[in-house]
Each structure stands twice: as structure tokens, then as C-alpha cells.
């Protein structure tokens, strides 16, 4: 039986919004204009994410016994997000693979949602914008821990470009693992680690999958 405990959340405080992550639950993200609103919606967001994980065959390693608590709450500085204590811990092989696997699941959700929106005649400019944004951010995430600039040839189809960018990101993670260098990298005034990169990237795809789901007719 999985051990019971509350989940530890971390909050990034940005000028216009507060973001909640749970490092033990890859892909989890909740946002609200204020910290108070974020705390209010955190438990429904947690329940939704746990249902998503279990629905895709990924039951969490911990058994929830009553929600979560905020372990750290740090402000962003300019355009740089904070580095939490949890981000300073080198993720093991299993944690890395879980984050990448759930990134693929979220990406598959995005593709299925685009297909559903096209079938419903609702795949307008907003859908293309979201898919292109996921692509651009995966390329950007690929550069956060140094290494050569990624080379992705122009791809006209937005979904195909997104899939190619995701492959590029995973290749970069493989290179980092092979090098064994999991320290702190400072880039453009922001501190990055492998744990922080995986936390932010997996949640980013999941966040936009939920945004696409909200565009479905009747939602």
C-alpha cells in the first residue's frame, strides 16, 4: 500500500498571478490572480489531476490523506521564476522517466483535443496558437540547461511541429543524463536545474491541454 501523507506544493508568485506546482505529481499546475484564490481552488485542481493520472494508468506513489500544504512560496524576479528546495534535488531515473512519460500523455491529450475540435468545427486560430506555443516553449525549454542551440527545420503543420519539438526536448534530456551533470545553470538571469525544468515543462503541456479542453463545445 502506498504511504499516506499530504502533498507538498510550491507557489511561484508572479506580478499578475500565482502558480501552484506539486513536485511529486508531474504535470500538476494551478493558477489564479491572487494567492488566496489559488489556495481556494487548489484542492479541486488536485482532485482533477489525481483523476487524470489514474485515468491514464499512473496512480500516484503517495496516497493522499487530506490535500496538500504549501512547503515553499517564493516570488519571481522580473521574468525569472524562483528555484525551490525541491528543484535542487537531483531527480532519479524513475522521476525523470515519469515526468517525460506524463509529458507524452499530456501531448497525446493535446493531439486528441485538436482532432476533436476540428471534427466539431471549432479549431480556429486560438487552437493553432496554443499548439504553436507548446512547440515554441519546448524548443525554449531545450535550451535552459545549456548545450548547443537546437536545430528544428520549419514544419508547416502545427501539430507535426509540436511533436518534433517534444522529441527535441527529450533528446536534450537524454544528453543531460548521459553527461551526468545535474547542477544549477544560470541562463538569462534565471537559475535552472533538471528538476525545475521537468516540473515547469510537464506542467506547461498539461496546462494547455486543459485550455484546449475548455474550448470543446458544451464545456
Protein backbone atom coordinates (compact mmCIF):
# COMPACT_ATOMS: atom_id res chain seq x y z
CA UNK A 1 0.00 0.00 0.00
CA UNK A 2 1.29 3.47 -0.87
CA UNK A 3 2.29 5.61 2.12
CA UNK A 4 -0.24 8.23 3.21
CA UNK A 5 0.75 11.88 3.52
CA UNK A 6 -0.26 15.29 2.28
CA UNK A 7 1.27 16.57 -0.93
CA UNK A 8 3.85 19.35 -0.75
CA UNK A 9 3.06 22.30 -3.01
CA UNK A 10 5.28 25.17 -4.11
CA UNK A 11 3.94 28.56 -5.18
CA UNK A 12 5.54 30.92 -7.66
CA UNK A 13 4.36 34.49 -7.07
CA UNK A 14 4.27 36.50 -10.30
CA UNK A 15 3.05 40.12 -10.63
CA UNK A 16 -0.26 39.13 -12.24
CA UNK A 17 -0.80 35.59 -10.98
CA UNK A 18 0.17 32.91 -8.50
CA UNK A 19 1.14 29.44 -9.74
CA UNK A 20 0.98 26.25 -7.68
CA UNK A 21 3.00 23.14 -8.51
CA UNK A 22 3.29 19.80 -6.70
CA UNK A 23 6.72 18.31 -7.47
CA UNK A 24 5.58 14.80 -6.52
CA UNK A 25 2.81 15.00 -9.15
CA UNK A 26 4.38 15.76 -12.57
CA UNK A 27 2.13 17.89 -14.73
CA UNK A 28 0.19 19.44 -11.86
CA UNK A 29 -0.35 23.18 -12.12
CA UNK A 30 -2.99 25.57 -10.80
CA UNK A 31 -3.13 29.32 -11.29
CA UNK A 32 -5.14 32.26 -10.01
CA UNK A 33 -4.80 36.04 -9.91
CA UNK A 34 -4.08 36.00 -6.17
CA UNK A 35 -2.63 33.59 -3.64
CA UNK A 36 -5.93 33.49 -1.74
CA UNK A 37 -7.86 32.45 -4.84
CA UNK A 38 -5.18 29.91 -5.66
CA UNK A 39 -5.46 28.25 -2.25
CA UNK A 40 -9.24 28.11 -2.63
CA UNK A 41 -9.10 26.23 -5.93
CA UNK A 42 -6.07 24.07 -5.07
CA UNK A 43 -7.98 21.05 -3.75
CA UNK A 44 -10.38 20.78 -6.73
CA UNK A 45 -7.36 21.13 -9.02
CA UNK A 46 -5.56 18.41 -7.08
CA UNK A 47 -8.54 16.05 -7.34
CA UNK A 48 -8.76 16.71 -11.08
CA UNK A 49 -5.08 15.94 -11.57
CA UNK A 50 -5.20 12.75 -9.49
CA UNK A 51 -8.15 11.58 -11.59
CA UNK A 52 -6.18 12.40 -14.77
CA UNK A 53 -3.17 10.41 -13.56
CA UNK A 54 -5.22 7.39 -12.55
CA UNK A 55 -7.27 7.57 -15.76
CA UNK A 56 -4.07 7.14 -17.75
CA UNK A 57 -2.77 4.31 -15.57
CA UNK A 58 -0.39 6.37 -13.44
CA UNK A 59 -1.62 6.17 -9.85
CA UNK A 60 0.48 8.44 -7.63
CA UNK A 61 3.20 6.96 -5.44
CA UNK A 62 1.66 8.63 -2.38
CA UNK A 63 -1.84 8.04 -1.09
CA UNK A 64 -3.48 11.39 -0.35
CA UNK A 65 -4.78 11.75 3.19
CA UNK A 66 -6.17 15.25 3.04
CA UNK A 67 -4.96 17.51 0.28
CA UNK A 68 -1.75 19.45 0.29
CA UNK A 69 0.23 22.05 2.16
CA UNK A 70 2.44 24.82 0.81
CA UNK A 71 6.05 23.92 1.52
CA UNK A 72 7.54 26.99 -0.20
CA UNK A 73 6.18 30.28 -1.51
CA UNK A 74 8.70 32.38 -3.42
CA UNK A 75 8.42 35.44 -5.68
CA UNK A 76 9.57 35.63 -9.27
CA UNK A 77 12.05 38.36 -10.08
CA UNK A 78 11.47 40.06 -13.39
CA UNK A 79 10.95 37.26 -15.87
CA UNK A 80 12.83 34.70 -13.77
CA UNK A 81 10.96 32.09 -11.79
CA UNK A 82 12.23 31.01 -8.35
CA UNK A 83 14.32 27.94 -7.58
CA UNK A 84 12.74 25.90 -4.78
CA UNK A 85 14.47 23.49 -2.44
CA UNK A 86 12.69 20.68 -4.28
CA UNK A 87 14.28 21.92 -7.51
CA UNK A 88 17.75 21.50 -6.00
CA UNK A 89 17.33 17.75 -5.53
CA UNK A 90 18.65 15.68 -8.41
CA UNK A 91 15.75 13.63 -9.77
CA UNK A 92 16.43 9.94 -10.05
CA UNK A 93 15.93 7.86 -13.17
CA UNK A 94 12.36 6.89 -12.26
CA UNK A 95 11.31 10.51 -11.59
CA UNK A 96 12.79 11.67 -14.89
CA UNK A 97 11.11 8.92 -16.84
CA UNK A 98 7.76 9.56 -15.12
CA UNK A 99 7.88 13.25 -15.95
CA UNK A 100 8.74 12.53 -19.58
CA UNK A 101 6.06 9.83 -19.81
CA UNK A 102 3.39 12.17 -18.43
CA UNK A 103 4.59 14.86 -20.83
CA UNK A 104 3.88 12.41 -23.64
CA UNK A 105 0.44 11.64 -22.19
CA UNK A 106 -0.39 15.36 -21.99
CA UNK A 107 0.90 15.84 -25.53
CA UNK A 108 -1.31 12.97 -26.70
CA UNK A 109 -4.24 14.68 -24.98
CA UNK A 110 -3.44 17.87 -26.93
CA UNK A 111 -3.41 15.97 -30.24
CA UNK A 112 -6.71 14.21 -29.45
CA UNK A 113 -8.29 17.50 -28.42
CA UNK A 114 -7.17 19.20 -31.63
CA UNK A 115 -8.75 16.34 -33.61
CA UNK A 116 -11.98 16.66 -31.60
CA UNK A 117 -12.09 20.42 -32.10
CA UNK A 118 -11.54 20.00 -35.84
CA UNK A 119 -14.35 17.45 -36.03
CA UNK A 120 -16.61 19.87 -34.15
CA UNK A 121 -15.66 22.72 -36.48
CA UNK A 122 -14.17 24.64 -33.54
CA UNK A 123 -10.47 24.51 -34.45
CA UNK A 124 -9.92 28.22 -35.05
CA UNK A 125 -6.88 30.49 -34.64
CA UNK A 126 -6.83 30.01 -30.86
CA UNK A 127 -6.21 26.28 -31.27
CA UNK A 128 -3.33 26.83 -33.69
CA UNK A 129 -1.89 29.49 -31.38
CA UNK A 130 -1.90 27.11 -28.41
CA UNK A 131 -0.27 24.29 -30.36
CA UNK A 132 2.41 26.62 -31.77
CA UNK A 133 3.03 27.99 -28.29
CA UNK A 134 3.63 24.49 -26.90
CA UNK A 135 6.09 23.90 -29.76
CA UNK A 136 7.98 27.15 -29.16
CA UNK A 137 8.20 26.56 -25.40
CA UNK A 138 9.51 23.02 -25.85
CA UNK A 139 12.30 24.40 -28.03
CA UNK A 140 12.95 27.09 -25.39
CA UNK A 141 12.94 24.52 -22.60
CA UNK A 142 15.51 22.51 -24.55
CA UNK A 143 17.99 25.36 -24.12
CA UNK A 144 17.55 26.03 -20.38
CA UNK A 145 20.37 23.78 -19.21
CA UNK A 146 22.92 24.87 -21.76
CA UNK A 147 24.26 22.90 -24.67
CA UNK A 148 24.07 23.71 -28.39
CA UNK A 149 21.11 25.62 -29.76
CA UNK A 150 18.52 23.15 -31.06
CA UNK A 151 18.04 22.89 -34.80
CA UNK A 152 14.46 22.30 -35.89
CA UNK A 153 13.64 22.68 -39.56
CA UNK A 154 10.47 24.68 -40.31
CA UNK A 155 7.39 22.46 -40.26
CA UNK A 156 4.17 23.87 -41.69
CA UNK A 157 1.72 21.71 -39.73
CA UNK A 158 1.42 22.96 -36.15
CA UNK A 159 0.84 19.52 -34.61
CA UNK A 160 3.76 17.96 -36.50
CA UNK A 161 5.98 20.83 -35.36
CA UNK A 162 4.87 20.31 -31.76
CA UNK A 163 5.69 16.60 -31.94
CA UNK A 164 9.12 17.34 -33.42
CA UNK A 165 9.87 19.89 -30.69
CA UNK A 166 8.87 17.38 -28.00
CA UNK A 167 11.28 14.86 -29.49
CA UNK A 168 13.99 17.52 -29.43
CA UNK A 169 13.32 18.18 -25.75
CA UNK A 170 13.52 14.50 -24.84
CA UNK A 171 16.77 14.13 -26.77
CA UNK A 172 18.21 17.02 -24.77
CA UNK A 173 17.19 15.36 -21.51
CA UNK A 174 18.91 12.16 -22.68
CA UNK A 175 22.09 14.14 -23.37
CA UNK A 176 21.97 15.69 -19.89
CA UNK A 177 21.52 12.27 -18.29
CA UNK A 178 24.42 10.81 -20.25
CA UNK A 179 26.68 13.67 -19.17
CA UNK A 180 25.72 13.19 -15.51
CA UNK A 181 25.80 16.96 -14.98
CA UNK A 182 22.72 17.91 -12.96
CA UNK A 183 23.85 21.12 -11.30
CA UNK A 184 22.45 24.64 -11.33
CA UNK A 185 22.67 26.52 -14.61
CA UNK A 186 22.14 30.29 -14.70
CA UNK A 187 20.74 31.43 -18.03
CA UNK A 188 19.33 34.86 -18.82
CA UNK A 189 19.32 35.70 -15.12
CA UNK A 190 17.34 32.62 -14.07
CA UNK A 191 18.52 29.58 -12.13
CA UNK A 192 17.64 26.23 -13.67
CA UNK A 193 18.06 22.62 -12.60
CA UNK A 194 16.86 19.43 -14.20
CA UNK A 195 14.14 19.07 -11.56
CA UNK A 196 12.87 22.61 -12.16
CA UNK A 197 12.96 22.15 -15.93
CA UNK A 198 10.92 18.96 -15.79
CA UNK A 199 8.47 20.50 -13.29
CA UNK A 200 7.83 23.52 -15.46
CA UNK A 201 7.81 21.77 -18.84
CA UNK A 202 5.47 18.89 -17.97
CA UNK A 203 3.04 21.25 -16.25
CA UNK A 204 3.15 23.61 -19.23
CA UNK A 205 1.86 20.97 -21.64
CA UNK A 206 -0.80 19.81 -19.19
CA UNK A 207 -1.91 23.42 -18.61
CA UNK A 208 -2.54 23.97 -22.31
CA UNK A 209 -4.24 20.60 -22.72
CA UNK A 210 -6.77 21.79 -20.15
CA UNK A 211 -7.06 25.10 -22.03
CA UNK A 212 -7.91 23.20 -25.22
CA UNK A 213 -10.41 21.00 -23.38
CA UNK A 214 -12.24 24.15 -22.26
CA UNK A 215 -12.73 25.08 -25.96
CA UNK A 216 -14.76 21.95 -26.70
CA UNK A 217 -18.42 22.72 -27.46
CA UNK A 218 -20.52 22.34 -24.34
CA UNK A 219 -17.61 22.73 -21.95
